[in-house]
Amino acid sequence: MDLDMSTFTLDTNPKIDASISNAPVYERIEKLVVLKNIKSDLFYFEEIHEVVCSNEFLDKYIEQGLAGLSFKKIDENYEYAPWDDF
């Protein structure tokens, strides 16, 4: 995640044991900007706790007629808000 271009709120009361990871915990990410230098077509996006893929991966997946995965576009409308459902 591009920290300078993204808009987010850090969780001040993380529900994850801090001894497990020293990575920041996000309460909300209103604007998620992906770093430009990512070389992998499929990777674990730590900030949103999801496996994500490139457009090239998605295009090949569709081209091959594969099934079993669902995709959600990370664009200007994407928002990470894991606690909104509670």
N, C-alpha and C. Protein backbone atom coordinates (compact mmCIF):
# COMPACT_ATOMS: atom_id res chain seq x y z
N MET A 1 0.85 -1.17 0.00
CA MET A 1 0.00 0.00 0.00
C MET A 1 0.90 1.24 0.00
N ASP A 2 0.56 2.18 -0.83
CA ASP A 2 1.28 3.44 -0.87
C ASP A 2 0.77 4.30 0.29
N LEU A 3 1.55 4.39 1.35
CA LEU A 3 1.12 5.09 2.57
C LEU A 3 0.93 6.59 2.35
N ASP A 4 1.70 7.17 1.44
CA ASP A 4 1.59 8.60 1.19
C ASP A 4 0.33 8.96 0.41
N MET A 5 -0.10 8.10 -0.49
CA MET A 5 -1.25 8.39 -1.35
C MET A 5 -2.56 7.83 -0.81
N SER A 6 -2.50 6.88 0.09
CA SER A 6 -3.70 6.25 0.65
C SER A 6 -4.24 7.08 1.82
N THR A 7 -5.53 6.90 2.11
CA THR A 7 -6.17 7.54 3.26
C THR A 7 -6.67 6.44 4.17
N PHE A 8 -6.24 6.45 5.43
CA PHE A 8 -6.57 5.35 6.33
C PHE A 8 -6.61 5.81 7.78
N THR A 9 -7.20 4.96 8.62
CA THR A 9 -7.23 5.17 10.06
C THR A 9 -6.63 3.93 10.71
N LEU A 10 -5.60 4.14 11.52
CA LEU A 10 -5.01 3.02 12.25
C LEU A 10 -5.93 2.63 13.40
N ASP A 11 -5.97 1.35 13.69
CA ASP A 11 -6.78 0.84 14.79
C ASP A 11 -6.06 1.13 16.10
N THR A 12 -6.68 1.91 16.97
CA THR A 12 -6.06 2.25 18.25
C THR A 12 -6.28 1.18 19.30
N ASN A 13 -7.16 0.22 19.01
CA ASN A 13 -7.44 -0.88 19.93
C ASN A 13 -7.47 -2.17 19.11
N PRO A 14 -6.31 -2.58 18.57
CA PRO A 14 -6.30 -3.75 17.68
C PRO A 14 -6.80 -5.01 18.36
N LYS A 15 -7.54 -5.80 17.61
CA LYS A 15 -8.09 -7.05 18.12
C LYS A 15 -7.12 -8.20 17.91
N ILE A 16 -5.98 -7.91 17.29
CA ILE A 16 -4.95 -8.91 17.01
C ILE A 16 -3.83 -8.72 18.03
N ASP A 17 -3.35 -9.80 18.59
CA ASP A 17 -2.26 -9.76 19.56
C ASP A 17 -1.02 -9.13 18.91
N ALA A 18 -0.56 -8.03 19.46
CA ALA A 18 0.58 -7.30 18.89
C ALA A 18 1.85 -8.13 18.87
N SER A 19 1.95 -9.15 19.71
CA SER A 19 3.15 -9.98 19.72
C SER A 19 3.22 -10.90 18.50
N ILE A 20 2.09 -11.10 17.83
CA ILE A 20 2.06 -11.95 16.64
C ILE A 20 2.68 -11.22 15.45
N SER A 21 2.41 -9.94 15.32
CA SER A 21 2.91 -9.16 14.20
C SER A 21 3.14 -7.73 14.63
N ASN A 22 4.16 -7.13 14.08
CA ASN A 22 4.40 -5.72 14.38
C ASN A 22 3.88 -4.82 13.26
N ALA A 23 3.15 -5.40 12.31
CA ALA A 23 2.56 -4.63 11.22
C ALA A 23 1.40 -3.80 11.75
N PRO A 24 1.20 -2.61 11.21
CA PRO A 24 0.07 -1.80 11.66
C PRO A 24 -1.26 -2.47 11.37
N VAL A 25 -2.25 -2.20 12.21
CA VAL A 25 -3.60 -2.73 12.02
C VAL A 25 -4.48 -1.56 11.61
N TYR A 26 -5.20 -1.72 10.52
CA TYR A 26 -6.02 -0.64 9.99
C TYR A 26 -7.47 -0.83 10.40
N GLU A 27 -8.04 0.21 10.99
CA GLU A 27 -9.46 0.20 11.32
C GLU A 27 -10.28 0.44 10.06
N ARG A 28 -9.75 1.28 9.19
CA ARG A 28 -10.45 1.63 7.95
C ARG A 28 -9.42 2.15 6.95
N ILE A 29 -9.64 1.80 5.69
CA ILE A 29 -8.86 2.39 4.60
C ILE A 29 -9.88 2.97 3.63
N GLU A 30 -9.98 4.30 3.62
CA GLU A 30 -10.96 4.97 2.77
C GLU A 30 -10.50 5.04 1.32
N LYS A 31 -9.22 5.23 1.13
CA LYS A 31 -8.65 5.31 -0.21
C LYS A 31 -7.40 4.43 -0.23
N LEU A 32 -7.45 3.37 -1.00
CA LEU A 32 -6.34 2.43 -1.07
C LEU A 32 -5.61 2.61 -2.40
N VAL A 33 -4.36 3.02 -2.32
CA VAL A 33 -3.53 3.17 -3.50
C VAL A 33 -2.46 2.09 -3.44
N VAL A 34 -2.43 1.25 -4.46
CA VAL A 34 -1.48 0.14 -4.53
C VAL A 34 -0.14 0.67 -5.05
N LEU A 35 0.93 0.21 -4.45
CA LEU A 35 2.27 0.59 -4.91
C LEU A 35 2.45 0.20 -6.38
N LYS A 36 3.20 0.98 -7.11
CA LYS A 36 3.40 0.74 -8.55
C LYS A 36 4.45 -0.33 -8.84
N ASN A 37 5.34 -0.62 -7.90
CA ASN A 37 6.48 -1.50 -8.18
C ASN A 37 6.23 -2.97 -7.84
N ILE A 38 4.99 -3.40 -7.75
CA ILE A 38 4.69 -4.80 -7.43
C ILE A 38 4.93 -5.64 -8.68
N LYS A 39 5.72 -6.68 -8.52
CA LYS A 39 6.09 -7.53 -9.67
C LYS A 39 5.28 -8.81 -9.75
N SER A 40 4.61 -9.19 -8.68
CA SER A 40 3.88 -10.45 -8.63
C SER A 40 2.46 -10.29 -9.17
N ASP A 41 1.97 -11.33 -9.84
CA ASP A 41 0.60 -11.31 -10.35
C ASP A 41 -0.40 -11.83 -9.32
N LEU A 42 0.09 -12.47 -8.27
CA LEU A 42 -0.77 -13.00 -7.21
C LEU A 42 0.00 -12.91 -5.90
N PHE A 43 -0.58 -12.22 -4.90
CA PHE A 43 0.14 -12.05 -3.64
C PHE A 43 -0.83 -11.76 -2.50
N TYR A 44 -0.32 -11.91 -1.28
CA TYR A 44 -1.11 -11.61 -0.08
C TYR A 44 -0.92 -10.14 0.25
N PHE A 45 -2.02 -9.40 0.25
CA PHE A 45 -2.01 -7.96 0.55
C PHE A 45 -2.22 -7.81 2.05
N GLU A 46 -1.13 -7.64 2.78
CA GLU A 46 -1.15 -7.69 4.24
C GLU A 46 -2.09 -6.65 4.86
N GLU A 47 -2.14 -5.46 4.30
CA GLU A 47 -2.95 -4.40 4.90
C GLU A 47 -4.45 -4.70 4.91
N ILE A 48 -4.92 -5.44 3.91
CA ILE A 48 -6.36 -5.77 3.85
C ILE A 48 -6.63 -7.25 4.11
N HIS A 49 -5.60 -8.00 4.40
CA HIS A 49 -5.72 -9.42 4.76
C HIS A 49 -6.44 -10.23 3.68
N GLU A 50 -6.04 -10.01 2.43
CA GLU A 50 -6.64 -10.70 1.29
C GLU A 50 -5.57 -11.09 0.28
N VAL A 51 -5.84 -12.17 -0.45
CA VAL A 51 -5.02 -12.51 -1.60
C VAL A 51 -5.55 -11.68 -2.76
N VAL A 52 -4.67 -11.00 -3.45
CA VAL A 52 -5.07 -10.15 -4.58
C VAL A 52 -4.27 -10.53 -5.82
N CYS A 53 -4.77 -10.09 -6.95
CA CYS A 53 -4.09 -10.42 -8.21
C CYS A 53 -4.03 -9.20 -9.12
N SER A 54 -3.20 -9.33 -10.13
CA SER A 54 -3.06 -8.28 -11.14
C SER A 54 -4.17 -8.42 -12.17
N ASN A 55 -4.34 -7.39 -12.99
CA ASN A 55 -5.29 -7.46 -14.10
C ASN A 55 -4.88 -8.56 -15.08
N GLU A 56 -3.58 -8.76 -15.25
CA GLU A 56 -3.10 -9.80 -16.15
C GLU A 56 -3.53 -11.19 -15.66
N PHE A 57 -3.44 -11.42 -14.35
CA PHE A 57 -3.87 -12.69 -13.78
C PHE A 57 -5.36 -12.89 -14.03
N LEU A 58 -6.16 -11.86 -13.76
CA LEU A 58 -7.61 -11.94 -13.96
C LEU A 58 -7.94 -12.22 -15.42
N ASP A 59 -7.28 -11.53 -16.34
CA ASP A 59 -7.52 -11.75 -17.77
C ASP A 59 -7.22 -13.19 -18.18
N LYS A 60 -6.10 -13.73 -17.71
CA LYS A 60 -5.74 -15.13 -18.03
C LYS A 60 -6.73 -16.11 -17.42
N TYR A 61 -7.17 -15.84 -16.21
CA TYR A 61 -8.15 -16.67 -15.51
C TYR A 61 -9.43 -16.77 -16.34
N ILE A 62 -9.91 -15.63 -16.80
CA ILE A 62 -11.13 -15.59 -17.61
C ILE A 62 -10.89 -16.26 -18.96
N GLU A 63 -9.75 -15.96 -19.59
CA GLU A 63 -9.40 -16.53 -20.88
C GLU A 63 -9.35 -18.06 -20.84
N GLN A 64 -8.86 -18.61 -19.73
CA GLN A 64 -8.76 -20.06 -19.58
C GLN A 64 -10.09 -20.71 -19.19
N GLY A 65 -11.09 -19.91 -18.89
CA GLY A 65 -12.40 -20.44 -18.51
C GLY A 65 -12.40 -21.11 -17.15
N LEU A 66 -11.54 -20.66 -16.26
CA LEU A 66 -11.45 -21.25 -14.93
C LEU A 66 -12.61 -20.80 -14.05
N ALA A 67 -12.88 -21.56 -13.01
CA ALA A 67 -13.97 -21.23 -12.09
C ALA A 67 -13.51 -21.49 -10.66
N GLY A 68 -14.25 -20.92 -9.71
CA GLY A 68 -13.98 -21.20 -8.30
C GLY A 68 -13.49 -20.01 -7.50
N LEU A 69 -13.07 -18.96 -8.17
CA LEU A 69 -12.61 -17.76 -7.47
C LEU A 69 -13.58 -16.62 -7.71
N SER A 70 -13.64 -15.71 -6.76
CA SER A 70 -14.42 -14.49 -6.97
C SER A 70 -13.45 -13.31 -6.88
N PHE A 71 -13.77 -12.25 -7.58
CA PHE A 71 -12.88 -11.11 -7.66
C PHE A 71 -13.63 -9.83 -7.29
N LYS A 72 -12.92 -8.93 -6.63
CA LYS A 72 -13.45 -7.61 -6.29
C LYS A 72 -12.39 -6.60 -6.71
N LYS A 73 -12.79 -5.65 -7.53
CA LYS A 73 -11.85 -4.67 -8.06
C LYS A 73 -11.39 -3.70 -6.98
N ILE A 74 -10.09 -3.47 -6.92
CA ILE A 74 -9.53 -2.45 -6.05
C ILE A 74 -9.33 -1.21 -6.92
N ASP A 75 -10.26 -0.27 -6.77
CA ASP A 75 -10.20 0.97 -7.54
C ASP A 75 -10.51 2.14 -6.63
N GLU A 76 -10.85 3.29 -7.20
CA GLU A 76 -11.11 4.48 -6.39
C GLU A 76 -12.33 4.33 -5.48
N ASN A 77 -13.18 3.34 -5.74
CA ASN A 77 -14.36 3.09 -4.91
C ASN A 77 -14.14 2.03 -3.83
N TYR A 78 -13.00 1.37 -3.87
CA TYR A 78 -12.72 0.31 -2.90
C TYR A 78 -12.50 0.92 -1.52
N GLU A 79 -13.06 0.27 -0.50
CA GLU A 79 -12.86 0.70 0.88
C GLU A 79 -12.71 -0.52 1.76
N TYR A 80 -11.72 -0.49 2.63
CA TYR A 80 -11.50 -1.57 3.60
C TYR A 80 -12.05 -1.09 4.93
N ALA A 81 -13.11 -1.75 5.40
CA ALA A 81 -13.75 -1.39 6.67
C ALA A 81 -14.25 -2.67 7.32
N PRO A 82 -13.35 -3.47 7.91
CA PRO A 82 -13.72 -4.79 8.40
C PRO A 82 -14.73 -4.79 9.54
N TRP A 83 -14.85 -3.71 10.27
CA TRP A 83 -15.75 -3.69 11.43
C TRP A 83 -17.11 -3.09 11.11
N ASP A 84 -17.35 -2.68 9.88
CA ASP A 84 -18.64 -2.09 9.52
C ASP A 84 -19.80 -3.08 9.62
N ASP A 85 -19.52 -4.36 9.49
CA ASP A 85 -20.58 -5.38 9.53
C ASP A 85 -21.02 -5.73 10.94
N PHE A 86 -20.33 -5.22 11.94
CA PHE A 86 -20.65 -5.57 13.32
C PHE A 86 -21.53 -4.53 13.97
